[in-house]
Protein backbone atom coordinates (compact mmCIF):
# COMPACT_ATOMS: atom_id res chain seq x y z
CA MET A 1 0.67 -0.86 12.39
CA TRP A 2 3.16 -3.62 11.73
CA TYR A 3 6.61 -2.30 10.81
CA ASN A 4 10.23 -3.37 11.23
CA LYS A 5 10.39 -2.64 14.97
CA ASN A 6 7.40 -4.79 16.01
CA SER A 7 6.77 -7.27 13.17
CA GLY A 8 9.32 -9.92 14.07
CA GLY A 9 10.48 -9.83 10.44
CA LYS A 10 7.24 -11.10 8.86
CA ALA A 11 3.72 -10.19 7.76
CA HIS A 12 0.81 -10.89 10.11
CA PRO A 13 -2.86 -11.91 9.67
CA VAL A 14 -5.17 -8.92 9.19
CA GLY A 15 -7.08 -7.63 12.20
CA GLN A 16 -4.55 -8.03 14.99
CA LYS A 17 -4.15 -4.24 15.32
CA LYS A 18 -6.90 -1.70 16.00
CA PRO A 19 -8.84 -0.48 12.93
CA ASN A 20 -8.37 3.04 11.56
CA GLU A 21 -10.96 5.86 11.74
CA ILE A 22 -13.18 4.23 9.11
CA GLY A 23 -12.96 0.71 10.53
CA LEU A 24 -10.31 -0.81 8.22
CA CYS A 25 -7.45 -2.83 9.68
CA ASP A 26 -3.87 -2.87 8.45
CA MET A 27 -4.10 -0.13 5.85
CA SER A 28 -0.67 1.11 6.95
CA GLY A 29 2.22 -1.28 7.45
CA ASN A 30 2.04 -5.09 7.37
CA VAL A 31 2.20 -5.41 3.54
CA TRP A 32 2.21 -2.91 0.69
CA GLU A 33 -1.11 -3.21 -1.16
CA TRP A 34 -1.50 -3.32 -4.92
CA VAL A 35 -3.98 -0.77 -6.27
CA GLN A 36 -5.57 -0.33 -9.71
CA ASP A 37 -3.35 2.51 -10.98
CA LYS A 38 -0.42 2.27 -13.31
CA TYR A 39 2.49 4.18 -11.79
CA ASP A 40 3.20 7.73 -12.97
CA GLU A 41 5.80 9.70 -11.03
CA ASP A 42 3.88 12.93 -11.65
CA ALA A 43 0.39 11.58 -10.94
CA TYR A 44 -0.42 14.31 -8.42
CA GLY A 45 0.83 17.01 -10.77
CA ARG A 46 -1.08 15.72 -13.81
CA HIS A 47 -4.29 14.45 -12.27
CA ALA A 48 -6.66 15.21 -9.42
CA SER A 49 -4.76 15.77 -6.18
CA ASN A 50 -7.34 13.70 -4.30
CA ASN A 51 -6.79 10.05 -5.27
CA PRO A 52 -5.32 10.42 -8.77
CA VAL A 53 -5.91 7.42 -11.02
CA TYR A 54 -3.66 6.81 -13.99
CA GLU A 55 -4.55 3.98 -16.37
CA ARG A 56 -2.84 4.92 -19.63
CA THR A 57 0.70 3.67 -20.29
CA GLY A 58 3.47 2.27 -18.16
CA THR A 59 4.70 -1.06 -16.92
CA ARG A 60 4.89 -0.35 -13.19
CA ARG A 61 1.88 -0.46 -10.85
CA VAL A 62 1.12 1.52 -7.68
CA ILE A 63 1.47 0.01 -4.21
CA ARG A 64 0.37 1.78 -1.02
CA GLY A 65 0.76 1.63 2.75
CA GLY A 66 4.28 0.37 3.48
CA SER A 67 5.21 -3.01 4.90
CA TRP A 68 6.48 -4.87 7.94
CA LEU A 69 10.04 -4.24 6.68
CA ASP A 70 9.80 -0.42 6.56
CA SER A 71 10.88 1.86 9.38
CA ASN A 72 10.36 5.34 7.89
CA PRO A 73 7.09 6.87 9.21
CA GLN A 74 6.68 8.80 5.92
CA VAL A 75 6.31 5.46 4.11
CA LEU A 76 3.90 3.88 6.60
CA ARG A 77 0.75 5.73 5.52
CA THR A 78 -1.87 5.03 2.90
CA ALA A 79 -1.22 8.32 1.07
CA ASN A 80 2.30 7.17 0.17
CA ARG A 81 2.59 5.69 -3.31
CA GLY A 82 5.29 3.19 -4.13
CA ASN A 83 5.56 1.14 -7.30
CA ASP A 84 6.68 -2.23 -8.58
CA LEU A 85 6.35 -4.43 -11.64
CA PRO A 86 3.17 -6.53 -11.75
CA THR A 87 5.33 -9.64 -12.14
CA SER A 88 7.09 -8.94 -8.82
CA ARG A 89 6.57 -11.51 -6.08
CA CYS A 90 7.68 -10.99 -2.49
CA ASN A 91 6.30 -11.24 1.03
CA GLU A 92 6.07 -7.45 1.40
CA ILE A 93 3.33 -6.88 -1.21
CA GLY A 94 -0.23 -8.17 -1.19
CA PHE A 95 -3.76 -7.10 -2.09
CA ARG A 96 -7.03 -6.58 -0.29
CA LEU A 97 -10.30 -8.19 -1.28
CA VAL A 98 -13.30 -5.98 -0.68
CA ARG A 99 -16.87 -7.16 -0.43
CA MET A 100 -19.44 -4.43 -0.98
CA MET A 101 -22.53 -4.80 1.15
């Protein structure tokens, strides 16, 4: 994964690191990824513990995976949920396009 000790202080094109167990590259580190959910601090306590989705109220949105700037291993994993405002713009947050085949 790309993180603060090997990133050179920037994001990198996808696919330069080995894919994970299911064949996806850069799911941890590189850039935080926006997901569909609105952020709820208690999502795991209120909803299913496996991939809780919260779409009711709230202004913040969920981001996952950590970024090239992070150094804490607890952050650099897809199960970690961060949050930010949808109007936020920075070079640490991006999104992934998925094409279903």
